[in-house]
N, C-alpha and C. Protein backbone atom coordinates (compact mmCIF):
# COMPACT_ATOMS: atom_id res chain seq x y z
N UNK A 1 -176.13 -246.86 -78.51
CA UNK A 1 -175.86 -245.61 -77.83
C UNK A 1 -174.37 -245.37 -77.72
N UNK A 2 -173.63 -246.43 -77.33
CA UNK A 2 -172.19 -246.28 -77.16
C UNK A 2 -171.53 -245.92 -78.48
N UNK A 3 -171.99 -246.51 -79.60
CA UNK A 3 -171.39 -246.20 -80.90
C UNK A 3 -171.67 -244.77 -81.30
N UNK A 4 -172.82 -244.25 -80.95
CA UNK A 4 -173.14 -242.86 -81.25
C UNK A 4 -172.19 -241.93 -80.52
N UNK A 5 -171.95 -242.19 -79.24
CA UNK A 5 -171.03 -241.37 -78.46
C UNK A 5 -169.62 -241.48 -79.02
N UNK A 6 -169.18 -242.67 -79.34
CA UNK A 6 -167.84 -242.87 -79.88
C UNK A 6 -167.69 -242.15 -81.22
N UNK A 7 -168.68 -242.27 -82.11
CA UNK A 7 -168.57 -241.60 -83.40
C UNK A 7 -168.58 -240.08 -83.24
N UNK A 8 -169.36 -239.55 -82.29
CA UNK A 8 -169.35 -238.10 -82.05
C UNK A 8 -167.99 -237.65 -81.53
N UNK A 9 -167.38 -238.44 -80.65
CA UNK A 9 -166.05 -238.10 -80.14
C UNK A 9 -165.01 -238.15 -81.25
N UNK A 10 -165.14 -239.12 -82.16
CA UNK A 10 -164.19 -239.21 -83.28
C UNK A 10 -164.33 -238.01 -84.20
N UNK A 11 -165.55 -237.57 -84.47
CA UNK A 11 -165.76 -236.40 -85.31
C UNK A 11 -165.14 -235.17 -84.66
N UNK A 12 -165.37 -234.99 -83.37
CA UNK A 12 -164.81 -233.85 -82.65
C UNK A 12 -163.29 -233.90 -82.64
N UNK A 13 -162.72 -235.08 -82.45
CA UNK A 13 -161.26 -235.22 -82.42
C UNK A 13 -160.64 -234.94 -83.78
N UNK A 14 -161.37 -235.18 -84.85
CA UNK A 14 -160.85 -234.94 -86.19
C UNK A 14 -161.10 -233.51 -86.65
N UNK A 15 -161.60 -232.67 -85.79
CA UNK A 15 -161.82 -231.28 -86.17
C UNK A 15 -163.16 -231.05 -86.83
N UNK A 16 -164.05 -232.01 -86.76
CA UNK A 16 -165.37 -231.83 -87.36
C UNK A 16 -166.14 -230.74 -86.63
N UNK A 17 -166.96 -230.07 -87.35
CA UNK A 17 -167.72 -228.97 -86.78
C UNK A 17 -169.16 -229.40 -86.59
N UNK A 18 -169.73 -229.03 -85.45
CA UNK A 18 -171.11 -229.38 -85.21
C UNK A 18 -172.05 -228.22 -85.52
N UNK A 19 -171.51 -227.08 -85.93
CA UNK A 19 -172.39 -225.94 -86.23
C UNK A 19 -173.07 -226.15 -87.57
N UNK A 20 -174.32 -225.81 -87.60
CA UNK A 20 -175.17 -226.05 -88.77
C UNK A 20 -174.73 -225.26 -90.00
N UNK A 21 -174.12 -224.10 -89.81
CA UNK A 21 -173.76 -223.25 -90.94
C UNK A 21 -172.35 -223.49 -91.46
N UNK A 22 -171.61 -224.42 -90.87
CA UNK A 22 -170.25 -224.69 -91.34
C UNK A 22 -170.28 -225.27 -92.74
N UNK A 23 -169.37 -224.81 -93.59
CA UNK A 23 -169.27 -225.35 -94.93
C UNK A 23 -169.08 -224.29 -95.98
N UNK A 24 -169.21 -224.72 -97.23
CA UNK A 24 -169.05 -223.81 -98.37
C UNK A 24 -170.42 -223.39 -98.87
N UNK A 25 -170.55 -222.08 -99.16
CA UNK A 25 -171.82 -221.49 -99.55
C UNK A 25 -171.64 -220.65 -100.79
N UNK A 26 -172.70 -220.56 -101.59
CA UNK A 26 -172.67 -219.77 -102.82
C UNK A 26 -174.02 -219.09 -103.02
N UNK A 27 -173.95 -217.87 -103.46
CA UNK A 27 -175.15 -217.13 -103.83
C UNK A 27 -175.51 -217.55 -105.25
N UNK A 28 -176.64 -218.23 -105.45
CA UNK A 28 -176.97 -218.74 -106.79
C UNK A 28 -177.20 -217.65 -107.81
N UNK A 29 -177.72 -216.51 -107.39
CA UNK A 29 -177.95 -215.41 -108.33
C UNK A 29 -177.90 -214.10 -107.55
N UNK A 30 -177.28 -213.13 -108.15
CA UNK A 30 -177.19 -211.84 -107.51
C UNK A 30 -177.67 -210.74 -108.44
N UNK A 31 -177.83 -209.58 -107.86
CA UNK A 31 -178.20 -208.41 -108.65
C UNK A 31 -177.11 -207.37 -108.51
N UNK A 32 -176.60 -206.82 -109.57
CA UNK A 32 -176.96 -207.12 -110.96
C UNK A 32 -176.44 -208.50 -111.37
N UNK A 33 -176.93 -208.98 -112.50
CA UNK A 33 -176.49 -210.28 -113.02
C UNK A 33 -174.98 -210.29 -113.12
N UNK A 34 -174.37 -211.40 -112.73
CA UNK A 34 -172.92 -211.50 -112.75
C UNK A 34 -172.29 -211.14 -111.42
N UNK A 35 -173.08 -210.67 -110.48
CA UNK A 35 -172.61 -210.36 -109.13
C UNK A 35 -173.10 -211.45 -108.20
N UNK A 36 -172.18 -212.00 -107.40
CA UNK A 36 -172.56 -213.05 -106.45
C UNK A 36 -171.48 -213.19 -105.40
N UNK A 37 -171.79 -213.94 -104.35
CA UNK A 37 -170.90 -214.14 -103.22
C UNK A 37 -170.66 -215.63 -103.01
N UNK A 38 -169.43 -215.99 -102.66
CA UNK A 38 -169.10 -217.34 -102.21
C UNK A 38 -168.41 -217.20 -100.86
N UNK A 39 -168.62 -218.18 -99.97
CA UNK A 39 -168.04 -218.09 -98.64
C UNK A 39 -167.81 -219.47 -98.06
N UNK A 40 -166.81 -219.56 -97.20
CA UNK A 40 -166.57 -220.75 -96.40
C UNK A 40 -166.72 -220.31 -94.95
N UNK A 41 -167.65 -220.94 -94.24
CA UNK A 41 -167.98 -220.53 -92.88
C UNK A 41 -167.74 -221.64 -91.89
N UNK A 42 -167.46 -221.26 -90.67
CA UNK A 42 -167.28 -222.19 -89.58
C UNK A 42 -167.59 -221.47 -88.28
N UNK A 43 -167.15 -222.03 -87.19
CA UNK A 43 -167.37 -221.43 -85.89
C UNK A 43 -167.74 -222.47 -84.87
N UNK A 44 -168.17 -222.00 -83.70
CA UNK A 44 -168.63 -222.90 -82.65
C UNK A 44 -169.65 -222.18 -81.80
N UNK A 45 -170.53 -222.95 -81.20
CA UNK A 45 -171.60 -222.33 -80.42
C UNK A 45 -172.43 -221.44 -81.33
N UNK A 46 -172.53 -220.15 -80.96
CA UNK A 46 -173.23 -219.20 -81.81
C UNK A 46 -172.26 -218.26 -82.53
N UNK A 47 -170.96 -218.52 -82.42
CA UNK A 47 -169.95 -217.69 -83.08
C UNK A 47 -169.76 -218.16 -84.51
N UNK A 48 -169.84 -217.22 -85.44
CA UNK A 48 -169.64 -217.53 -86.85
C UNK A 48 -168.38 -216.81 -87.33
N UNK A 49 -167.55 -217.53 -88.08
CA UNK A 49 -166.33 -216.98 -88.65
C UNK A 49 -166.19 -217.51 -90.07
N UNK A 50 -165.31 -216.89 -90.85
CA UNK A 50 -165.06 -217.39 -92.18
C UNK A 50 -164.58 -216.32 -93.11
N UNK A 51 -164.69 -216.60 -94.39
CA UNK A 51 -164.25 -215.67 -95.41
C UNK A 51 -164.76 -216.09 -96.76
N UNK A 52 -164.53 -215.22 -97.73
CA UNK A 52 -165.00 -215.53 -99.07
C UNK A 52 -164.66 -214.44 -100.05
N UNK A 53 -165.40 -214.42 -101.15
CA UNK A 53 -165.19 -213.45 -102.23
C UNK A 53 -166.53 -212.93 -102.71
N UNK A 54 -166.59 -211.61 -102.90
CA UNK A 54 -167.75 -210.96 -103.51
C UNK A 54 -167.36 -210.67 -104.96
N UNK A 55 -168.04 -211.32 -105.90
CA UNK A 55 -167.78 -211.08 -107.31
C UNK A 55 -168.73 -210.00 -107.79
N UNK A 56 -168.21 -209.08 -108.57
CA UNK A 56 -169.00 -207.95 -109.06
C UNK A 56 -169.07 -207.99 -110.58
N UNK A 57 -170.25 -207.70 -111.10
CA UNK A 57 -170.48 -207.75 -112.54
C UNK A 57 -169.49 -206.85 -113.28
N UNK A 58 -169.28 -205.67 -112.79
CA UNK A 58 -168.34 -204.75 -113.43
C UNK A 58 -167.33 -204.31 -112.39
N UNK A 59 -166.29 -205.10 -112.24
CA UNK A 59 -165.29 -204.74 -111.25
C UNK A 59 -164.51 -205.94 -110.78
N UNK A 60 -163.53 -205.66 -109.97
CA UNK A 60 -162.66 -206.70 -109.43
C UNK A 60 -163.35 -207.42 -108.28
N UNK A 61 -163.13 -208.72 -108.15
CA UNK A 61 -163.66 -209.44 -106.99
C UNK A 61 -163.05 -208.87 -105.71
N UNK A 62 -163.80 -208.92 -104.63
CA UNK A 62 -163.33 -208.41 -103.34
C UNK A 62 -163.35 -209.54 -102.32
N UNK A 63 -162.20 -209.81 -101.73
CA UNK A 63 -162.12 -210.80 -100.65
C UNK A 63 -162.75 -210.20 -99.40
N UNK A 64 -163.28 -211.06 -98.53
CA UNK A 64 -163.85 -210.58 -97.28
C UNK A 64 -163.68 -211.61 -96.17
N UNK A 65 -163.79 -211.13 -94.94
CA UNK A 65 -163.84 -212.01 -93.77
C UNK A 65 -165.21 -211.85 -93.12
N UNK A 66 -165.61 -212.88 -92.39
CA UNK A 66 -166.90 -212.90 -91.72
C UNK A 66 -166.67 -213.17 -90.24
N UNK A 67 -167.35 -212.40 -89.39
CA UNK A 67 -167.34 -212.71 -87.97
C UNK A 67 -168.62 -212.19 -87.33
N UNK A 68 -169.00 -212.84 -86.26
CA UNK A 68 -170.21 -212.40 -85.57
C UNK A 68 -170.90 -213.52 -84.84
N UNK A 69 -172.21 -213.37 -84.72
CA UNK A 69 -173.01 -214.35 -84.00
C UNK A 69 -174.24 -214.72 -84.80
N UNK A 70 -174.64 -215.97 -84.65
CA UNK A 70 -175.88 -216.43 -85.27
C UNK A 70 -177.06 -216.26 -84.33
N UNK A 71 -176.78 -215.89 -83.10
CA UNK A 71 -177.85 -215.68 -82.12
C UNK A 71 -178.65 -214.44 -82.49
N UNK A 72 -179.94 -214.46 -82.23
CA UNK A 72 -180.74 -213.27 -82.50
C UNK A 72 -180.28 -212.11 -81.59
N UNK A 73 -179.89 -211.02 -82.19
CA UNK A 73 -179.45 -209.84 -81.46
C UNK A 73 -180.08 -208.61 -82.10
N UNK A 74 -180.23 -207.53 -81.34
CA UNK A 74 -180.70 -206.30 -81.98
C UNK A 74 -179.62 -205.77 -82.91
N UNK A 75 -180.00 -205.38 -84.10
CA UNK A 75 -179.02 -204.87 -85.06
C UNK A 75 -178.27 -206.01 -85.74
N UNK A 76 -177.22 -205.65 -86.49
CA UNK A 76 -176.47 -206.68 -87.23
C UNK A 76 -175.70 -207.61 -86.29
N UNK A 77 -175.84 -208.89 -86.52
CA UNK A 77 -175.11 -209.87 -85.73
C UNK A 77 -173.87 -210.37 -86.45
N UNK A 78 -173.85 -210.22 -87.76
CA UNK A 78 -172.73 -210.71 -88.58
C UNK A 78 -172.13 -209.53 -89.33
N UNK A 79 -170.81 -209.41 -89.26
CA UNK A 79 -170.11 -208.34 -89.97
C UNK A 79 -169.21 -208.94 -91.03
N UNK A 80 -169.33 -208.41 -92.25
CA UNK A 80 -168.43 -208.75 -93.35
C UNK A 80 -167.47 -207.58 -93.51
N UNK A 81 -166.17 -207.88 -93.48
CA UNK A 81 -165.14 -206.86 -93.68
C UNK A 81 -164.45 -207.17 -95.00
N UNK A 82 -164.56 -206.25 -95.95
CA UNK A 82 -163.99 -206.43 -97.29
C UNK A 82 -162.52 -206.05 -97.31
N UNK A 83 -161.82 -206.44 -98.38
CA UNK A 83 -160.38 -206.22 -98.49
C UNK A 83 -160.01 -204.73 -98.49
N UNK A 84 -160.96 -203.85 -98.81
CA UNK A 84 -160.67 -202.41 -98.76
C UNK A 84 -160.98 -201.81 -97.38
N UNK A 85 -161.21 -202.66 -96.38
CA UNK A 85 -161.52 -202.30 -94.99
C UNK A 85 -162.94 -201.79 -94.79
N UNK A 86 -163.78 -201.74 -95.82
CA UNK A 86 -165.18 -201.38 -95.63
C UNK A 86 -165.89 -202.56 -94.97
N UNK A 87 -166.98 -202.26 -94.27
CA UNK A 87 -167.73 -203.30 -93.57
C UNK A 87 -169.20 -203.23 -93.93
N UNK A 88 -169.87 -204.34 -93.74
CA UNK A 88 -171.30 -204.43 -93.97
C UNK A 88 -171.89 -205.35 -92.90
N UNK A 89 -172.91 -204.87 -92.19
CA UNK A 89 -173.55 -205.66 -91.15
C UNK A 89 -174.81 -206.33 -91.66
N UNK A 90 -175.05 -207.55 -91.18
CA UNK A 90 -176.20 -208.34 -91.59
C UNK A 90 -176.84 -209.02 -90.38
N UNK A 91 -178.11 -209.28 -90.47
CA UNK A 91 -178.74 -210.23 -89.56
C UNK A 91 -178.59 -211.60 -90.21
N UNK A 92 -178.53 -212.63 -89.39
CA UNK A 92 -178.29 -214.00 -89.85
C UNK A 92 -179.56 -214.81 -89.75
N UNK A 93 -179.84 -215.60 -90.78
CA UNK A 93 -180.96 -216.53 -90.75
C UNK A 93 -180.59 -217.82 -91.45
N UNK A 94 -181.11 -218.92 -90.97
CA UNK A 94 -180.90 -220.22 -91.62
C UNK A 94 -182.23 -220.96 -91.64
N UNK A 95 -182.99 -220.77 -92.75
CA UNK A 95 -184.31 -221.39 -92.83
C UNK A 95 -184.27 -222.91 -92.87
N UNK A 96 -183.18 -223.49 -93.38
CA UNK A 96 -183.00 -224.94 -93.36
C UNK A 96 -181.51 -225.24 -93.51
N UNK A 97 -181.17 -226.52 -93.47
CA UNK A 97 -179.77 -226.96 -93.48
C UNK A 97 -178.98 -226.46 -94.70
N UNK A 98 -179.63 -226.29 -95.83
CA UNK A 98 -178.94 -225.95 -97.07
C UNK A 98 -179.06 -224.50 -97.52
N UNK A 99 -179.62 -223.63 -96.67
CA UNK A 99 -179.80 -222.23 -97.06
C UNK A 99 -179.48 -221.29 -95.90
N UNK A 100 -178.81 -220.19 -96.23
CA UNK A 100 -178.53 -219.11 -95.29
C UNK A 100 -179.08 -217.81 -95.86
N UNK A 101 -179.46 -216.91 -94.98
CA UNK A 101 -179.90 -215.59 -95.40
C UNK A 101 -179.17 -214.54 -94.58
N UNK A 102 -178.48 -213.64 -95.27
CA UNK A 102 -177.86 -212.48 -94.64
C UNK A 102 -178.64 -211.28 -95.12
N UNK A 103 -179.11 -210.46 -94.18
CA UNK A 103 -180.00 -209.37 -94.58
C UNK A 103 -179.67 -208.09 -93.82
N UNK A 104 -179.73 -206.98 -94.57
CA UNK A 104 -179.66 -205.64 -93.97
C UNK A 104 -180.65 -204.76 -94.71
N UNK A 105 -180.66 -203.48 -94.40
CA UNK A 105 -181.65 -202.58 -95.03
C UNK A 105 -181.41 -202.40 -96.52
N UNK A 106 -180.17 -202.61 -96.99
CA UNK A 106 -179.86 -202.39 -98.40
C UNK A 106 -180.03 -203.63 -99.27
N UNK A 107 -179.82 -204.82 -98.70
CA UNK A 107 -179.89 -206.02 -99.54
C UNK A 107 -180.08 -207.28 -98.71
N UNK A 108 -180.51 -208.32 -99.41
CA UNK A 108 -180.62 -209.67 -98.84
C UNK A 108 -179.74 -210.58 -99.67
N UNK A 109 -178.88 -211.35 -99.00
CA UNK A 109 -178.01 -212.31 -99.67
C UNK A 109 -178.49 -213.69 -99.29
N UNK A 110 -179.00 -214.45 -100.26
CA UNK A 110 -179.42 -215.83 -100.05
C UNK A 110 -178.30 -216.74 -100.52
N UNK A 111 -177.83 -217.60 -99.62
CA UNK A 111 -176.73 -218.51 -99.92
C UNK A 111 -177.22 -219.94 -99.88
N UNK A 112 -176.67 -220.77 -100.78
CA UNK A 112 -177.01 -222.18 -100.87
C UNK A 112 -175.75 -222.99 -100.61
N UNK A 113 -175.90 -224.08 -99.84
CA UNK A 113 -174.76 -224.94 -99.54
C UNK A 113 -174.22 -225.57 -100.83
N UNK A 114 -172.89 -225.56 -100.96
CA UNK A 114 -172.26 -226.20 -102.14
C UNK A 114 -172.01 -227.66 -101.87
């Protein structure tokens, strides 16, 4: 028991994150083909933060930031703000440790842990 507490304190002291969604994520396939998203996420509690790139089949990649909550809320809990200042709201889901789902009325983004 004591070693478990000590190792948890060491992880926290080294900046380790205890949030389940922290890490690098990639959309394995997007529509249209050649379009996909990569992101690095972190946060604490139910707060999610991060950033990444949206790659487009015909166009320049767009950098984005992520902020919001993983807690169930009415409406979009996670907002992606792209480099052109446009935004997109999503509901957040994590069916298991290695998969995330961002969903809105226009699209669903399934991400896999890298």
